[in-house]
């Protein structure tokens, strides 16, 4: 919970690579590096607010405006028909990166997706490059 830039700020600034699926002036979205299912996407404001209650109205509106659109593209790209949107605030609420972020987690027919306890696995970068490209194309 350091006071320096979060890993997400470094991703936004291009210091850390990612599989980007969306970007505008206020919002950035990319595939999670430890996905719960294919297409597990993080949607984040570019504003470095730690929790949702610290986020400006402008950034909150921007995220809210694109979250349904990105969700629809993720579902179409993955073939899933169901999904979870998760947003945690604070360490006791299971927030691990202290920059507001929303998880879009497709629920796959084979059971992959959100489950309690969470079960993630490392990202396959070749698959992720293709999937992030598909999602970007669907958002255009």
Protein backbone atom coordinates (compact mmCIF):
# COMPACT_ATOMS: atom_id res chain seq x y z
CA UNK A 1 0.00 0.00 0.00
CA UNK A 2 2.87 2.35 -0.81
CA UNK A 3 2.37 5.98 -1.74
CA UNK A 4 4.25 5.74 -5.06
CA UNK A 5 2.66 5.01 -8.43
CA UNK A 6 0.75 1.73 -8.57
CA UNK A 7 1.54 -1.01 -11.04
CA UNK A 8 -1.56 0.14 -12.96
CA UNK A 9 -0.18 3.68 -13.28
CA UNK A 10 3.01 2.16 -14.67
CA UNK A 11 0.96 0.10 -17.14
CA UNK A 12 -0.99 3.20 -18.26
CA UNK A 13 2.30 5.08 -18.75
CA UNK A 14 3.73 2.21 -20.82
CA UNK A 15 6.46 1.35 -18.30
CA UNK A 16 5.07 -2.19 -17.91
CA UNK A 17 3.69 -4.09 -20.93
CA UNK A 18 0.11 -5.29 -21.08
CA UNK A 19 -2.47 -6.70 -23.47
CA UNK A 20 -4.53 -3.52 -23.93
CA UNK A 21 -8.12 -3.83 -25.05
CA UNK A 22 -9.34 -0.22 -24.68
CA UNK A 23 -8.09 3.30 -24.05
CA UNK A 24 -9.56 6.78 -24.13
CA UNK A 25 -8.64 10.02 -22.34
CA UNK A 26 -9.90 8.80 -18.93
CA UNK A 27 -10.09 4.98 -19.03
CA UNK A 28 -7.68 2.13 -19.77
CA UNK A 29 -8.54 -1.60 -20.02
CA UNK A 30 -6.29 -4.63 -20.39
CA UNK A 31 -6.25 -8.39 -19.83
CA UNK A 32 -5.46 -9.57 -16.29
CA UNK A 33 -2.03 -11.22 -16.07
CA UNK A 34 -3.42 -13.96 -13.78
CA UNK A 35 -6.86 -14.52 -15.28
CA UNK A 36 -9.69 -16.45 -13.65
CA UNK A 37 -10.89 -17.26 -17.19
CA UNK A 38 -10.04 -16.28 -20.77
CA UNK A 39 -10.89 -12.64 -21.34
CA UNK A 40 -10.58 -11.62 -17.66
CA UNK A 41 -10.22 -7.88 -18.20
CA UNK A 42 -9.35 -5.00 -15.88
CA UNK A 43 -11.03 -1.65 -16.50
CA UNK A 44 -9.32 1.23 -14.71
CA UNK A 45 -9.57 4.99 -14.60
CA UNK A 46 -6.40 6.82 -15.54
CA UNK A 47 -6.93 8.91 -12.41
CA UNK A 48 -4.81 7.29 -9.65
CA UNK A 49 -7.59 7.02 -7.03
CA UNK A 50 -6.99 4.23 -4.51
CA UNK A 51 -10.66 3.32 -3.88
CA UNK A 52 -13.96 3.98 -5.61
CA UNK A 53 -15.02 6.56 -3.03
CA UNK A 54 -11.89 8.62 -3.85
CA UNK A 55 -12.65 8.68 -7.59
CA UNK A 56 -13.80 11.92 -9.22
CA UNK A 57 -17.26 12.11 -10.76
CA UNK A 58 -15.70 12.64 -14.19
CA UNK A 59 -13.62 9.44 -13.98
CA UNK A 60 -16.51 7.45 -12.45
CA UNK A 61 -18.79 8.51 -15.30
CA UNK A 62 -16.14 7.61 -17.86
CA UNK A 63 -15.68 4.10 -16.40
CA UNK A 64 -19.44 3.60 -16.12
CA UNK A 65 -19.91 4.67 -19.72
CA UNK A 66 -17.48 2.09 -21.17
CA UNK A 67 -17.86 -0.85 -18.75
CA UNK A 68 -20.98 -2.27 -20.49
CA UNK A 69 -19.39 -1.85 -23.94
CA UNK A 70 -16.16 -3.59 -22.91
CA UNK A 71 -18.16 -6.36 -21.18
CA UNK A 72 -20.13 -6.98 -24.37
CA UNK A 73 -16.92 -7.20 -26.44
CA UNK A 74 -15.28 -9.58 -23.92
CA UNK A 75 -18.34 -11.87 -24.02
CA UNK A 76 -18.41 -11.90 -27.80
CA UNK A 77 -14.65 -12.51 -28.09
CA UNK A 78 -14.67 -15.37 -25.57
CA UNK A 79 -18.00 -16.98 -26.43
CA UNK A 80 -19.14 -16.66 -22.81
CA UNK A 81 -22.74 -15.63 -22.09
CA UNK A 82 -22.36 -14.93 -18.37
CA UNK A 83 -19.86 -12.87 -16.39
CA UNK A 84 -19.06 -11.18 -13.12
CA UNK A 85 -17.96 -7.60 -12.54
CA UNK A 86 -15.92 -7.31 -9.36
CA UNK A 87 -14.65 -4.15 -7.68
CA UNK A 88 -12.85 -4.26 -4.29
CA UNK A 89 -11.95 -1.36 -1.99
CA UNK A 90 -9.28 -1.77 0.68
CA UNK A 91 -7.14 -4.69 1.83
CA UNK A 92 -9.84 -6.25 4.02
CA UNK A 93 -12.14 -6.21 0.98
CA UNK A 94 -9.51 -8.17 -1.00
CA UNK A 95 -8.09 -5.20 -2.95
CA UNK A 96 -4.49 -6.03 -3.84
CA UNK A 97 -3.61 -3.16 -6.20
CA UNK A 98 -4.46 0.21 -4.70
CA UNK A 99 -5.75 1.88 -7.84
CA UNK A 100 -9.49 1.65 -8.58
CA UNK A 101 -10.19 -1.21 -10.95
CA UNK A 102 -13.08 -3.31 -12.15
CA UNK A 103 -12.67 -6.97 -13.09
CA UNK A 104 -14.78 -8.32 -15.95
CA UNK A 105 -14.64 -12.11 -15.46
CA UNK A 106 -16.35 -14.30 -18.08
CA UNK A 107 -17.96 -17.45 -16.69
CA UNK A 108 -17.12 -20.26 -19.09
CA UNK A 109 -19.21 -23.37 -19.81
CA UNK A 110 -16.40 -25.53 -18.33
CA UNK A 111 -16.69 -23.70 -15.00
CA UNK A 112 -13.70 -21.35 -15.40
CA UNK A 113 -14.39 -17.92 -14.03
CA UNK A 114 -15.16 -16.56 -10.61
CA UNK A 115 -15.29 -19.18 -7.87
CA UNK A 116 -14.72 -19.05 -4.16
CA UNK A 117 -11.88 -19.38 -3.34
CA UNK A 118 -10.48 -17.63 -6.41
CA UNK A 119 -8.41 -19.85 -8.70
CA UNK A 120 -6.19 -18.07 -11.21
CA UNK A 121 -3.40 -19.20 -13.47
CA UNK A 122 -0.61 -17.39 -15.34
CA UNK A 123 -1.55 -15.73 -18.60
CA UNK A 124 -0.64 -17.33 -21.94
CA UNK A 125 0.86 -14.33 -23.75
CA UNK A 126 0.30 -15.70 -27.28
CA UNK A 127 -3.38 -16.36 -26.58
CA UNK A 128 -3.64 -13.02 -24.77
CA UNK A 129 -2.23 -11.09 -27.74
CA UNK A 130 -4.86 -12.62 -30.02
CA UNK A 131 -7.70 -12.19 -27.51
CA UNK A 132 -6.85 -8.56 -26.68
CA UNK A 133 -6.76 -7.83 -30.42
CA UNK A 134 -10.19 -9.42 -30.89
CA UNK A 135 -11.66 -7.36 -28.05
CA UNK A 136 -10.10 -4.15 -29.45
CA UNK A 137 -11.58 -4.91 -32.88
CA UNK A 138 -15.02 -5.44 -31.35
CA UNK A 139 -14.78 -2.09 -29.56
CA UNK A 140 -13.98 -0.16 -32.76
